[in-house]
Amino acid sequence: MKLKDVKIIDLPKNLDRRGNLSVIEELKNIPFKIKRAYWIYDVPGGEVRGGHAYKRNQEFIVALSGSFDVILDNGKEQQTFSLNRSYYGLYVPEGIWRQMQNFSTNSLALILASIRFDVADYVYDYELFKQMANEKNEHL
């Protein structure tokens, strides 16, 4: 998978003097049907989350509160995305290694996923991931 397929997606902003509102709709704002939602919070200083890739799962990551960095890797190149606003998110297709770090105090990360939890979809070994990514690139 190429990192060019990763993208920041701006979400609709409904501005109101009483407070703003943004929305995420499957197949409209993000390119997949939502099968699972989860969030990461209360991350102790210096901790890192993620450190895996998915074979099939796509994700959309939003910093609902605070900030954090998402480091993405396709086996050949890395790119860091700093998320710190609730009106945009990061689309991560399948086949990309991801890691999250530099969580600010009281940060809240919302992750929307394209499949239900399936432990068999995870790739936790980075060397195996690189091998799989290279094999996939050879067939493209």
Protein backbone atom coordinates (compact mmCIF):
# COMPACT_ATOMS: atom_id res chain seq x y z
CA MET A 1 0.00 0.00 0.00
CA LYS A 2 1.25 3.46 -0.84
CA LEU A 3 1.27 6.31 1.65
CA LYS A 4 -0.28 8.46 -1.07
CA ASP A 5 -3.52 6.57 -0.32
CA VAL A 6 -3.44 7.97 3.23
CA LYS A 7 -5.20 11.31 3.53
CA ILE A 8 -6.44 13.97 5.89
CA ILE A 9 -10.19 14.37 5.44
CA ASP A 10 -11.89 17.61 6.44
CA LEU A 11 -15.21 17.06 8.18
CA PRO A 12 -18.21 19.35 7.89
CA LYS A 13 -18.16 22.18 10.44
CA ASN A 14 -21.46 23.60 11.58
CA LEU A 15 -20.47 26.82 13.29
CA ASP A 16 -22.79 28.09 16.00
CA ARG A 17 -22.33 30.70 18.73
CA ARG A 18 -23.48 28.04 21.23
CA GLY A 19 -20.73 25.65 20.14
CA ASN A 20 -19.67 23.99 16.91
CA LEU A 21 -20.71 20.61 15.59
CA SER A 22 -18.98 18.21 13.18
CA VAL A 23 -20.25 14.92 11.83
CA ILE A 24 -18.85 11.73 10.29
CA GLU A 25 -21.06 9.72 7.95
CA GLU A 26 -20.02 6.38 6.49
CA LEU A 27 -19.50 6.31 2.72
CA LYS A 28 -19.97 10.09 2.64
CA ASN A 29 -17.21 11.68 4.73
CA ILE A 30 -15.15 8.49 4.96
CA PRO A 31 -14.72 5.84 2.25
CA PHE A 32 -16.02 2.81 4.16
CA LYS A 33 -18.93 1.48 6.20
CA ILE A 34 -18.31 1.75 9.94
CA LYS A 35 -18.31 -1.64 11.66
CA ARG A 36 -16.60 -0.65 14.91
CA ALA A 37 -15.76 2.48 16.90
CA TYR A 38 -13.32 2.71 19.76
CA TRP A 39 -11.41 5.42 21.56
CA ILE A 40 -8.08 5.80 23.30
CA TYR A 41 -7.75 8.03 26.36
CA ASP A 42 -5.82 8.47 29.63
CA VAL A 43 -2.56 7.60 27.87
CA PRO A 44 0.34 8.08 30.32
CA GLY A 45 3.09 10.46 29.23
CA GLY A 46 5.62 8.89 26.88
CA GLU A 47 3.48 5.85 26.03
CA VAL A 48 3.06 4.61 22.48
CA ARG A 49 -0.10 2.97 21.09
CA GLY A 50 -0.53 0.88 17.96
CA GLY A 51 2.59 -0.76 16.62
CA HIS A 52 0.76 -2.98 14.13
CA ALA A 53 -0.82 -3.14 10.68
CA TYR A 54 -4.06 -4.61 9.41
CA LYS A 55 -4.51 -6.95 6.47
CA ARG A 56 -8.10 -5.82 5.72
CA ASN A 57 -9.17 -3.12 8.17
CA GLN A 58 -9.33 0.55 7.20
CA GLU A 59 -9.46 3.25 9.86
CA PHE A 60 -10.38 6.87 10.32
CA ILE A 61 -8.65 8.55 13.29
CA VAL A 62 -9.82 11.81 14.87
CA ALA A 63 -8.35 13.78 17.77
CA LEU A 64 -11.60 14.66 19.53
CA SER A 65 -9.63 16.39 22.27
CA GLY A 66 -5.97 17.26 22.70
CA SER A 67 -3.33 16.11 20.26
CA PHE A 68 -1.17 13.17 19.24
CA ASP A 69 0.99 12.02 16.34
CA VAL A 70 0.22 9.10 14.03
CA ILE A 71 3.31 7.60 12.38
CA LEU A 72 2.48 5.61 9.26
CA ASP A 73 4.82 3.25 7.42
CA ASN A 74 4.29 1.29 4.21
CA GLY A 75 7.49 -0.75 4.57
CA LYS A 76 9.54 1.68 2.49
CA GLU A 77 8.70 5.14 3.78
CA GLN A 78 7.30 6.77 6.91
CA GLN A 79 5.18 9.85 7.40
CA THR A 80 4.01 11.54 10.61
CA PHE A 81 0.61 13.19 10.90
CA SER A 82 -0.10 15.46 13.86
CA LEU A 83 -3.78 15.40 14.77
CA ASN A 84 -5.05 18.20 16.98
CA ARG A 85 -8.49 19.30 15.76
CA SER A 86 -11.87 17.58 15.96
CA TYR A 87 -13.00 18.74 12.50
CA TYR A 88 -10.62 16.61 10.45
CA GLY A 89 -9.29 13.09 10.63
CA LEU A 90 -6.76 10.73 9.13
CA TYR A 91 -7.87 8.00 6.72
CA VAL A 92 -5.57 4.95 6.96
CA PRO A 93 -6.16 2.17 4.40
CA GLU A 94 -5.33 -1.46 5.07
CA GLY A 95 -1.71 -2.61 4.81
CA ILE A 96 -0.13 0.36 6.60
CA TRP A 97 1.88 0.05 9.83
CA ARG A 98 0.65 2.55 12.38
CA GLN A 99 1.86 3.88 15.70
CA MET A 100 0.47 6.69 17.85
CA GLN A 101 2.58 8.75 20.24
CA ASN A 102 3.09 12.19 21.82
CA PHE A 103 -0.34 12.20 23.43
CA SER A 104 -1.14 15.48 25.15
CA THR A 105 -2.77 15.54 28.57
CA ASN A 106 -6.48 14.67 28.34
CA SER A 107 -6.24 13.71 24.68
CA LEU A 108 -9.03 11.60 23.22
CA ALA A 109 -8.54 9.63 20.00
CA LEU A 110 -11.62 8.29 18.20
CA ILE A 111 -10.98 5.45 15.74
CA LEU A 112 -13.62 4.23 13.30
CA ALA A 113 -12.92 0.85 11.71
CA SER A 114 -14.20 -0.87 8.57
CA ILE A 115 -14.39 -4.37 10.09
CA ARG A 116 -15.31 -5.86 13.43
CA PHE A 117 -12.49 -6.88 15.75
CA ASP A 118 -10.61 -9.83 14.28
CA VAL A 119 -7.30 -10.77 15.90
CA ALA A 120 -6.32 -12.63 12.68
CA ASP A 121 -6.37 -9.29 10.81
CA TYR A 122 -3.53 -7.86 12.92
CA VAL A 123 0.15 -7.99 11.94
CA TYR A 124 2.24 -7.30 15.06
CA ASP A 125 5.68 -8.34 13.74
CA TYR A 126 7.29 -5.44 11.86
CA GLU A 127 9.68 -7.67 9.88
CA LEU A 128 6.78 -9.86 8.76
CA PHE A 129 4.87 -6.70 7.83
CA LYS A 130 7.76 -5.45 5.67
CA GLN A 131 7.98 -8.84 3.95
CA MET A 132 4.22 -8.82 3.25
CA ALA A 133 4.36 -5.21 2.00
CA ASN A 134 7.25 -6.01 -0.36
CA GLU A 135 5.47 -9.06 -1.73
CA LYS A 136 2.31 -7.02 -2.29
CA ASN A 137 4.29 -4.27 -4.08
CA GLU A 138 5.93 -6.85 -6.36
CA HIS A 139 2.49 -7.93 -7.57
CA LEU A 140 1.35 -4.39 -8.39
